Amino acid sequence: STSDVLSNNNVYFYPNPFNPDNELGTIRYSLSKPGKVTIKIYDASNRLVRTIGCGHNEAGIELSEDWDGKNDKSEVLANGTYFYVIKSSSGEKAVGKVAILRG
């Protein structure tokens, strides 16, 4: 049912594209039910490159999480398109897309 899904209308990433050499990217989202949130970032080959654990979040308010454009080994990722998947322990899920574009 749609009540189990974070509305992609409530999810966005900015700036997009972003340059991790001189800025942070921010993922903004809101939950319809409170829950513990995990954000996983995948490359275009669907390999997991970064996991961001956001702790327990409230419902009905805008939340945000920053990403520095690095993988779990603290290496800055190459230019390209990445996908982020937001999941909460209450069963909500959303998927978004972001491009890294380093000068």
C-alpha atoms as a PDB file:
ATOM      1  CA  SER A   1       0.000   0.000   0.000  1.00  0.00           C
ATOM      2  CA  THR A   2       1.135   3.568  -0.559  1.00  0.00           C
ATOM      3  CA  SER A   3       1.173   4.222   3.182  1.00  0.00           C
ATOM      4  CA  ASP A   4       4.322   2.062   3.352  1.00  0.00           C
ATOM      5  CA  VAL A   5       6.193   4.282   0.913  1.00  0.00           C
ATOM      6  CA  LEU A   6       7.965   7.556   1.528  1.00  0.00           C
ATOM      7  CA  SER A   7       6.561   9.822  -1.151  1.00  0.00           C
ATOM      8  CA  ASN A   8       9.286  10.671  -3.645  1.00  0.00           C
ATOM      9  CA  ASN A   9       7.644  14.107  -3.741  1.00  0.00           C
ATOM     10  CA  ASN A  10       8.888  14.550  -0.171  1.00  0.00           C
ATOM     11  CA  VAL A  11      12.426  13.479  -1.066  1.00  0.00           C
ATOM     12  CA  TYR A  12      15.040  15.536  -2.846  1.00  0.00           C
ATOM     13  CA  PHE A  13      18.782  16.060  -3.038  1.00  0.00           C
ATOM     14  CA  TYR A  14      20.507  19.395  -3.491  1.00  0.00           C
ATOM     15  CA  PRO A  15      22.571  20.754  -5.006  1.00  0.00           C
ATOM     16  CA  ASN A  16      22.205  18.267  -7.836  1.00  0.00           C
ATOM     17  CA  PRO A  17      24.630  17.761  -9.489  1.00  0.00           C
ATOM     18  CA  PHE A  18      27.097  18.520  -6.726  1.00  0.00           C
ATOM     19  CA  ASN A  19      30.866  18.860  -6.477  1.00  0.00           C
ATOM     20  CA  PRO A  20      32.171  17.158  -3.310  1.00  0.00           C
ATOM     21  CA  ASP A  21      35.457  19.053  -3.638  1.00  0.00           C
ATOM     22  CA  ASN A  22      33.771  22.230  -2.413  1.00  0.00           C
ATOM     23  CA  GLU A  23      30.278  21.463  -1.107  1.00  0.00           C
ATOM     24  CA  LEU A  24      28.179  18.970   0.799  1.00  0.00           C
ATOM     25  CA  GLY A  25      25.101  17.399  -0.723  1.00  0.00           C
ATOM     26  CA  THR A  26      21.935  17.281   1.352  1.00  0.00           C
ATOM     27  CA  ILE A  27      19.192  14.664   1.211  1.00  0.00           C
ATOM     28  CA  ARG A  28      15.854  16.015   2.490  1.00  0.00           C
ATOM     29  CA  TYR A  29      12.911  13.792   3.327  1.00  0.00           C
ATOM     30  CA  SER A  30       9.973  13.404   5.663  1.00  0.00           C
ATOM     31  CA  LEU A  31       8.384  10.308   7.155  1.00  0.00           C
ATOM     32  CA  SER A  32       4.712   9.546   7.581  1.00  0.00           C
ATOM     33  CA  LYS A  33       5.506   7.241  10.525  1.00  0.00           C
ATOM     34  CA  PRO A  34       8.364   7.573  13.025  1.00  0.00           C
ATOM     35  CA  GLY A  35      11.211   5.141  12.503  1.00  0.00           C
ATOM     36  CA  LYS A  36      14.931   4.468  12.432  1.00  0.00           C
ATOM     37  CA  VAL A  37      16.263   5.620   9.076  1.00  0.00           C
ATOM     38  CA  THR A  38      19.113   4.236   6.980  1.00  0.00           C
ATOM     39  CA  ILE A  39      20.251   5.811   3.717  1.00  0.00           C
ATOM     40  CA  LYS A  40      22.270   3.644   1.331  1.00  0.00           C
ATOM     41  CA  ILE A  41      24.030   5.107  -1.701  1.00  0.00           C
ATOM     42  CA  TYR A  42      24.719   2.945  -4.762  1.00  0.00           C
ATOM     43  CA  ASP A  43      26.727   3.579  -7.916  1.00  0.00           C
ATOM     44  CA  ALA A  44      25.374   3.085 -11.448  1.00  0.00           C
ATOM     45  CA  SER A  45      26.411  -0.610 -11.301  1.00  0.00           C
ATOM     46  CA  ASN A  46      24.223  -1.046  -8.213  1.00  0.00           C
ATOM     47  CA  ARG A  47      27.237  -1.486  -5.904  1.00  0.00           C
ATOM     48  CA  LEU A  48      26.725  -0.151  -2.396  1.00  0.00           C
ATOM     49  CA  VAL A  49      29.241   2.654  -1.836  1.00  0.00           C
ATOM     50  CA  ARG A  50      28.052   4.323   1.360  1.00  0.00           C
ATOM     51  CA  THR A  51      25.676   3.717   4.246  1.00  0.00           C
ATOM     52  CA  ILE A  52      24.468   6.630   6.365  1.00  0.00           C
ATOM     53  CA  GLY A  53      22.645   5.687   9.553  1.00  0.00           C
ATOM     54  CA  CYS A  54      20.453   8.530  10.714  1.00  0.00           C
ATOM     55  CA  GLY A  55      19.107   7.204  13.984  1.00  0.00           C
ATOM     56  CA  HIS A  56      15.496   7.459  15.086  1.00  0.00           C
ATOM     57  CA  ASN A  57      13.446  10.144  13.363  1.00  0.00           C
ATOM     58  CA  GLU A  58      10.058  11.718  13.950  1.00  0.00           C
ATOM     59  CA  ALA A  59       7.216  11.700  11.458  1.00  0.00           C
ATOM     60  CA  GLY A  60       5.673  14.703   9.762  1.00  0.00           C
ATOM     61  CA  ILE A  61       8.675  17.046   9.824  1.00  0.00           C
ATOM     62  CA  GLU A  62      11.278  17.706   7.165  1.00  0.00           C
ATOM     63  CA  LEU A  63      14.506  15.860   7.927  1.00  0.00           C
ATOM     64  CA  SER A  64      17.870  16.176   6.248  1.00  0.00           C
ATOM     65  CA  GLU A  65      21.115  14.270   6.050  1.00  0.00           C
ATOM     66  CA  ASP A  66      24.367  15.484   4.495  1.00  0.00           C
ATOM     67  CA  TRP A  67      26.607  13.440   2.207  1.00  0.00           C
ATOM     68  CA  ASP A  68      30.187  14.439   1.431  1.00  0.00           C
ATOM     69  CA  GLY A  69      30.380  12.499  -1.845  1.00  0.00           C
ATOM     70  CA  LYS A  70      32.649   9.871  -0.275  1.00  0.00           C
ATOM     71  CA  ASN A  71      32.345   6.114   0.016  1.00  0.00           C
ATOM     72  CA  ASP A  72      32.589   4.071   3.217  1.00  0.00           C
ATOM     73  CA  LYS A  73      36.413   4.205   2.909  1.00  0.00           C
ATOM     74  CA  SER A  74      36.354   8.047   2.896  1.00  0.00           C
ATOM     75  CA  GLU A  75      37.398   8.192  -0.768  1.00  0.00           C
ATOM     76  CA  VAL A  76      35.753  10.832  -2.946  1.00  0.00           C
ATOM     77  CA  LEU A  77      33.706   9.090  -5.618  1.00  0.00           C
ATOM     78  CA  ALA A  78      34.144   9.542  -9.348  1.00  0.00           C
ATOM     79  CA  ASN A  79      31.895  11.697 -11.511  1.00  0.00           C
ATOM     80  CA  GLY A  80      28.679   9.924 -12.374  1.00  0.00           C
ATOM     81  CA  THR A  81      25.147   9.133 -11.317  1.00  0.00           C
ATOM     82  CA  TYR A  82      24.422   7.611  -7.913  1.00  0.00           C
ATOM     83  CA  PHE A  83      21.206   6.371  -6.354  1.00  0.00           C
ATOM     84  CA  TYR A  84      20.162   6.798  -2.753  1.00  0.00           C
ATOM     85  CA  VAL A  85      17.673   4.524  -1.036  1.00  0.00           C
ATOM     86  CA  ILE A  86      16.027   5.765   2.149  1.00  0.00           C
ATOM     87  CA  LYS A  87      14.470   3.073   4.330  1.00  0.00           C
ATOM     88  CA  SER A  88      12.851   3.377   7.711  1.00  0.00           C
ATOM     89  CA  SER A  89      12.180   0.691  10.285  1.00  0.00           C
ATOM     90  CA  SER A  90       8.451   1.364   9.899  1.00  0.00           C
ATOM     91  CA  GLY A  91       8.656   0.036   6.314  1.00  0.00           C
ATOM     92  CA  GLU A  92       8.797   3.293   4.369  1.00  0.00           C
ATOM     93  CA  LYS A  93      11.137   3.518   1.397  1.00  0.00           C
ATOM     94  CA  ALA A  94      12.133   6.079  -1.237  1.00  0.00           C
ATOM     95  CA  VAL A  95      14.675   6.127  -4.035  1.00  0.00           C
ATOM     96  CA  GLY A  96      16.367   9.153  -5.570  1.00  0.00           C
ATOM     97  CA  LYS A  97      19.165   9.978  -7.972  1.00  0.00           C
ATOM     98  CA  VAL A  98      22.115  12.353  -7.666  1.00  0.00           C
ATOM     99  CA  ALA A  99      25.005  13.246  -9.953  1.00  0.00           C
ATOM    100  CA  ILE A 100      28.548  13.980  -8.807  1.00  0.00           C
ATOM    101  CA  LEU A 101      30.238  16.469 -11.111  1.00  0.00           C
ATOM    102  CA  ARG A 102      33.702  17.498 -10.039  1.00  0.00           C
ATOM    103  CA  GLY A 103      35.372  20.313 -11.954  1.00  0.00           C
END
